[in-house]
Protein backbone atom coordinates (compact mmCIF):
# COMPACT_ATOMS: atom_id res chain seq x y z
CA MET A 1 -32.91 26.02 46.03
CA ASN A 2 -29.35 26.95 45.03
CA TRP A 3 -26.49 24.99 46.55
CA LEU A 4 -22.75 25.57 46.87
CA ILE A 5 -20.94 22.29 47.61
CA VAL A 6 -17.32 22.75 48.69
CA THR A 7 -15.42 19.50 49.04
CA ASP A 8 -11.98 18.42 50.15
CA LEU A 9 -10.17 15.95 47.89
CA ASP A 10 -7.75 13.52 49.61
CA GLY A 11 -9.58 11.36 52.12
CA THR A 12 -12.95 12.73 51.01
CA LEU A 13 -13.76 12.79 47.30
CA LEU A 14 -10.55 10.86 46.59
CA ASP A 15 -9.31 7.73 48.33
CA ASP A 16 -5.76 6.37 48.32
CA ARG A 17 -6.06 5.28 44.68
CA TYR A 18 -6.43 8.91 43.48
CA PRO A 19 -9.30 7.99 41.09
CA ASN A 20 -9.52 11.29 39.18
CA ARG A 21 -11.74 9.92 36.44
CA LYS A 22 -14.26 8.43 38.88
CA ALA A 23 -14.17 11.62 40.96
CA GLY A 24 -14.99 13.65 37.86
CA ALA A 25 -17.90 11.34 37.11
CA ALA A 26 -19.23 11.72 40.67
CA ILE A 27 -19.10 15.52 40.42
CA ASP A 28 -20.86 15.44 37.06
CA ALA A 29 -23.54 13.10 38.46
CA VAL A 30 -24.37 15.59 41.22
CA SER A 31 -24.43 18.49 38.75
CA ALA A 32 -26.69 16.59 36.35
CA ALA A 33 -29.16 15.56 39.07
CA HIS A 34 -29.13 19.00 40.72
CA PRO A 35 -28.60 21.76 38.12
CA ASP A 36 -28.98 24.34 40.90
CA ALA A 37 -25.86 23.00 42.66
CA ARG A 38 -22.41 24.47 42.08
CA VAL A 39 -19.42 22.30 43.10
CA ALA A 40 -16.10 23.74 44.29
CA LEU A 41 -13.07 21.60 45.07
CA ALA A 42 -10.99 22.74 48.07
CA SER A 43 -7.62 21.15 48.66
CA SER A 44 -4.02 21.59 49.74
CA LYS A 45 -3.20 20.60 46.15
CA THR A 46 -1.58 22.99 43.70
CA PRO A 47 -3.38 24.64 40.77
CA ALA A 48 -1.59 22.25 38.39
CA GLU A 49 -2.85 19.20 40.29
CA MET A 50 -6.39 20.49 40.57
CA ILE A 51 -6.64 21.46 36.92
CA GLU A 52 -5.61 17.90 36.01
CA LEU A 53 -8.51 16.54 38.09
CA ALA A 54 -10.94 19.12 36.74
CA GLU A 55 -10.14 18.03 33.18
CA HIS A 56 -12.10 14.86 34.01
CA CYS A 57 -15.22 16.91 34.82
CA GLY A 58 -17.74 18.17 32.31
CA SER A 59 -19.40 20.47 34.84
CA ASP A 60 -16.54 22.97 35.39
CA PRO A 61 -16.03 22.98 39.17
CA ILE A 62 -14.44 26.00 40.84
CA LEU A 63 -11.03 25.15 42.32
CA ILE A 64 -9.83 26.40 45.73
CA PHE A 65 -6.15 25.54 45.86
CA GLU A 66 -3.52 25.20 48.60
CA ASN A 67 -5.88 25.49 51.56
CA GLY A 68 -7.52 28.72 50.44
CA THR A 69 -4.46 30.48 49.02
CA GLY A 70 -6.44 31.23 45.88
CA MET A 71 -9.16 30.15 43.45
CA LEU A 72 -9.33 29.03 39.84
CA TRP A 73 -12.29 28.91 37.48
CA ARG A 74 -12.87 28.55 33.76
CA GLU A 75 -13.35 31.85 32.01
CA HIS A 76 -17.04 31.26 31.24
CA VAL A 77 -17.92 30.27 34.84
CA LEU A 78 -17.18 33.53 36.69
CA CYS A 79 -16.47 36.88 35.10
CA ARG A 80 -13.80 38.66 37.15
CA PRO A 81 -12.13 41.46 35.13
CA GLY A 82 -8.44 41.77 35.89
CA SER A 83 -7.98 38.18 37.08
CA GLU A 84 -4.72 36.43 36.24
CA LYS A 85 -4.94 33.99 33.31
CA THR A 86 -3.43 30.51 33.14
CA GLY A 87 -4.50 28.74 29.97
CA ASN A 88 -8.29 28.87 29.78
CA TRP A 89 -8.51 29.31 33.54
CA GLU A 90 -8.68 32.50 35.58
CA LEU A 91 -6.75 32.66 38.85
CA GLU A 92 -7.08 34.86 41.91
CA ARG A 93 -4.43 34.75 44.66
CA PHE A 94 -5.08 35.67 48.29
CA GLY A 95 -1.90 34.92 50.24
CA LYS A 96 1.84 35.55 50.32
CA PRO A 97 3.83 34.31 47.30
CA TYR A 98 5.64 31.00 47.52
CA GLY A 99 9.11 32.51 47.28
CA GLU A 100 8.48 34.68 50.33
CA ILE A 101 7.37 31.64 52.35
CA LEU A 102 10.47 29.65 51.34
CA SER A 103 12.70 32.59 52.34
CA ALA A 104 11.05 32.73 55.77
CA LEU A 105 11.48 28.99 56.29
CA ALA A 106 15.14 29.10 55.24
CA ALA A 107 15.80 31.96 57.67
CA LEU A 108 14.17 30.12 60.57
CA ARG A 109 16.02 26.91 59.76
CA MET A 110 19.35 28.75 59.76
CA LYS A 111 18.58 30.80 62.89
CA ALA A 112 17.07 28.12 65.13
CA GLY A 113 18.18 24.86 63.57
CA TYR A 114 14.65 23.53 63.06
CA THR A 115 14.61 20.13 61.36
CA PHE A 116 12.02 19.55 58.66
CA ARG A 117 11.80 18.68 55.00
CA GLY A 118 9.61 20.64 52.63
CA PHE A 119 8.53 19.85 49.10
CA SER A 120 11.19 22.29 47.89
CA ASP A 121 13.81 20.09 49.60
CA MET A 122 12.47 16.89 48.02
CA THR A 123 12.96 15.44 44.58
CA PRO A 124 9.86 14.45 42.60
CA CYS A 125 10.78 10.83 43.42
CA GLU A 126 10.69 11.51 47.16
CA VAL A 127 7.38 13.35 46.91
CA ALA A 128 5.99 10.41 44.92
CA SER A 129 7.24 7.96 47.55
CA ARG A 130 5.75 9.93 50.46
CA THR A 131 2.38 10.55 48.80
CA GLY A 132 1.74 7.55 46.58
CA LEU A 133 1.49 9.84 43.57
CA SER A 134 2.91 9.03 40.16
CA LEU A 135 6.13 10.81 39.24
CA SER A 136 4.34 13.21 36.89
CA ALA A 137 1.71 13.97 39.54
CA ALA A 138 4.46 14.53 42.13
CA GLU A 139 6.04 17.09 39.82
CA LYS A 140 2.73 18.96 39.71
CA ALA A 141 2.51 18.74 43.51
CA ARG A 142 5.83 20.60 43.74
CA MET A 143 4.53 23.50 41.59
CA ARG A 144 3.49 25.53 44.64
CA VAL A 145 1.86 28.97 44.58
CA GLY A 146 1.43 29.97 48.21
CA THR A 147 2.06 27.11 50.68
CA GLU A 148 4.89 24.71 51.53
CA PRO A 149 4.04 21.19 52.76
CA ILE A 150 6.61 19.99 55.29
CA VAL A 151 7.45 16.82 57.22
CA TRP A 152 8.49 17.79 60.75
CA GLU A 153 11.57 15.88 61.96
CA GLY A 154 12.05 17.53 65.35
CA ASP A 155 10.32 17.02 68.68
CA ALA A 156 6.99 18.43 69.85
CA GLU A 157 8.57 21.22 71.90
CA ALA A 158 10.58 22.48 68.94
CA PHE A 159 7.48 22.28 66.76
CA ALA A 160 5.58 24.56 69.16
CA GLU A 161 8.46 27.05 69.01
CA PHE A 162 8.47 26.77 65.21
CA ILE A 163 4.76 27.63 65.05
CA ALA A 164 5.30 30.64 67.32
CA SER A 165 8.22 31.84 65.18
CA LEU A 166 6.11 31.59 62.03
CA ALA A 167 3.30 33.56 63.69
CA GLU A 168 5.73 36.45 64.23
CA LEU A 169 6.23 36.45 60.45
CA ASP A 170 2.45 36.44 59.82
CA LEU A 171 2.54 32.80 58.71
CA LYS A 172 0.86 29.73 60.14
CA VAL A 173 0.92 25.94 60.06
CA VAL A 174 -2.12 23.84 59.11
CA SER A 175 -2.03 20.08 59.61
CA GLY A 176 -3.45 18.00 56.79
CA GLY A 177 -3.68 14.27 56.31
CA ARG A 178 0.03 13.68 55.57
CA PHE A 179 1.86 16.99 55.91
CA HIS A 180 1.97 20.26 57.80
CA HIS A 181 1.30 23.15 55.41
CA VAL A 182 3.05 26.47 56.00
CA GLY A 183 1.36 29.51 54.48
CA SER A 184 -0.57 32.71 55.01
CA HIS A 185 -3.37 33.12 57.55
CA LEU A 186 -5.95 31.69 55.15
CA ASN A 187 -8.04 28.55 55.15
CA LYS A 188 -10.70 26.69 53.19
CA GLY A 189 -13.48 28.18 55.30
CA GLN A 190 -12.44 31.71 54.41
CA ALA A 191 -12.34 30.71 50.74
CA LEU A 192 -15.84 29.25 51.05
CA GLY A 193 -16.98 32.60 52.46
CA LYS A 194 -15.31 34.54 49.64
CA LEU A 195 -16.93 32.33 47.02
CA TRP A 196 -20.37 32.53 48.68
CA ARG A 197 -20.17 36.33 48.78
CA LEU A 198 -19.05 36.45 45.16
CA LEU A 199 -22.03 34.36 44.06
CA ARG A 200 -24.40 36.34 46.27
CA PHE A 201 -23.37 39.91 45.57
CA GLN A 202 -21.95 39.73 42.04
CA PHE A 203 -24.31 37.16 40.55
CA GLY A 204 -27.36 37.36 42.82
CA ILE A 205 -27.18 33.67 43.75
CA HIS A 206 -28.14 33.01 47.38
CA ALA A 207 -26.85 29.49 47.96
CA ARG A 208 -27.04 27.15 50.90
CA THR A 209 -23.64 25.62 51.56
CA ILE A 210 -22.46 22.05 52.03
CA ALA A 211 -18.87 21.32 53.10
CA CYS A 212 -17.25 17.89 52.84
CA GLY A 213 -13.98 17.01 54.57
CA ASP A 214 -12.05 14.73 56.88
CA ALA A 215 -8.97 16.51 58.28
CA PRO A 216 -8.12 19.41 60.60
CA ASN A 217 -7.50 21.72 57.63
CA ASP A 218 -11.17 21.20 56.71
CA LEU A 219 -12.54 22.14 60.13
CA ASP A 220 -13.25 25.84 59.58
CA MET A 221 -14.96 25.03 56.28
CA LEU A 222 -17.08 22.30 57.88
CA GLU A 223 -18.15 24.53 60.76
CA ARG A 224 -18.87 27.55 58.56
CA ALA A 225 -21.15 25.71 56.12
CA ASP A 226 -24.90 25.28 56.52
CA HIS A 227 -24.41 21.50 56.31
CA ALA A 228 -21.28 19.43 56.97
CA ILE A 229 -20.48 15.93 55.73
CA VAL A 230 -17.55 14.43 57.63
CA PHE A 231 -15.56 11.55 56.15
CA PRO A 232 -13.59 9.02 58.24
CA SER A 233 -9.83 9.33 58.59
CA SER A 234 -7.53 6.43 57.71
CA ASP A 235 -7.99 4.99 61.22
CA GLY A 236 -11.78 5.11 60.92
CA GLU A 237 -12.21 8.03 63.32
CA TYR A 238 -14.27 11.14 62.51
CA LEU A 239 -13.21 14.73 63.05
CA ARG A 240 -15.28 16.43 65.74
CA VAL A 241 -17.21 19.26 64.10
CA ASP A 242 -19.23 21.98 65.84
CA ASN A 243 -22.06 22.16 63.32
CA PRO A 244 -25.64 21.16 64.26
CA SER A 245 -26.25 19.86 60.74
CA THR A 246 -23.50 17.26 60.42
CA ALA A 247 -23.68 13.92 58.60
CA HIS A 248 -21.04 11.18 58.56
CA ALA A 249 -20.09 9.39 55.35
CA ALA A 250 -19.41 5.66 55.49
CA SER A 251 -16.04 5.88 53.74
CA SER A 252 -13.99 8.07 51.42
CA GLY A 253 -13.78 7.96 47.63
CA PRO A 254 -16.01 8.96 44.70
CA GLY A 255 -18.76 6.43 45.35
CA ALA A 256 -19.12 7.22 49.05
CA TRP A 257 -18.93 10.95 48.33
CA LEU A 258 -21.65 10.74 45.68
CA ASN A 259 -23.90 8.76 48.00
CA ALA A 260 -23.47 11.15 50.93
CA VAL A 261 -23.94 14.34 48.93
CA SER A 262 -26.88 12.95 46.93
CA GLU A 263 -28.63 11.79 50.09
CA LEU A 264 -28.42 15.26 51.63
CA LEU A 265 -29.52 17.05 48.45
CA ASP A 266 -32.37 14.61 47.80
CA HIS A 267 -33.59 14.99 51.38
CA HIS A 268 -33.84 18.76 51.07
CA GLN A 269 -35.32 18.58 47.59
CA ALA A 270 -38.10 16.35 48.90
CA ALA A 271 -38.72 18.50 51.97
């Protein structure tokens, strides 16, 4: 049986220590034990951040960046003529460019006086302080392609108006673990669907899907997949997911992720 495992990073495969090396080892362990499984990482992180993590993997995961804004893969993994190149990676974008999103946010801020801080307003030091990232990692987090993470500083009523104003510009807000992400009408679930169709119709691979996540920006992905594995939030609560095949991981981080994914795969392999 072929499998496509699409996993969130922060709060799922990664815990607060950002253990990239251990995460890479967990991905490789799944790939070694289940050669028919393809792993894709889906995150609000930028291409630069995700490539850094993927460098710790020997199994070449596919990267879905900035909540489904686009995908990256090594050249030998998927053959997509005409794809944009960045180093030895190929990149395909789906949403509005970053500059267009920043222009829209600046116009709304000037017109309505909305109060928020985006990554473009922050120094690398501030991003590092707010996220727990190192300074070099924070710099990569600011290298956006199609979304802007923001910290909302106004009240709830103004935030509702802000969301409605963005919708008129064909933009939306997705809430993640730490930030609200402003971008195109795309999400991780749509990216999972695009990747599944690519594998099915271009490469003839009919894969069952597993989605792993913990936050609201993972919900569509978790509900679209054949199997969902939900990880606890920082307060120990689990996201409510409308998927009849849903498992709950004990905690976040590479070890817990490996245990949860392996248990599901082993169960179906033995069936």
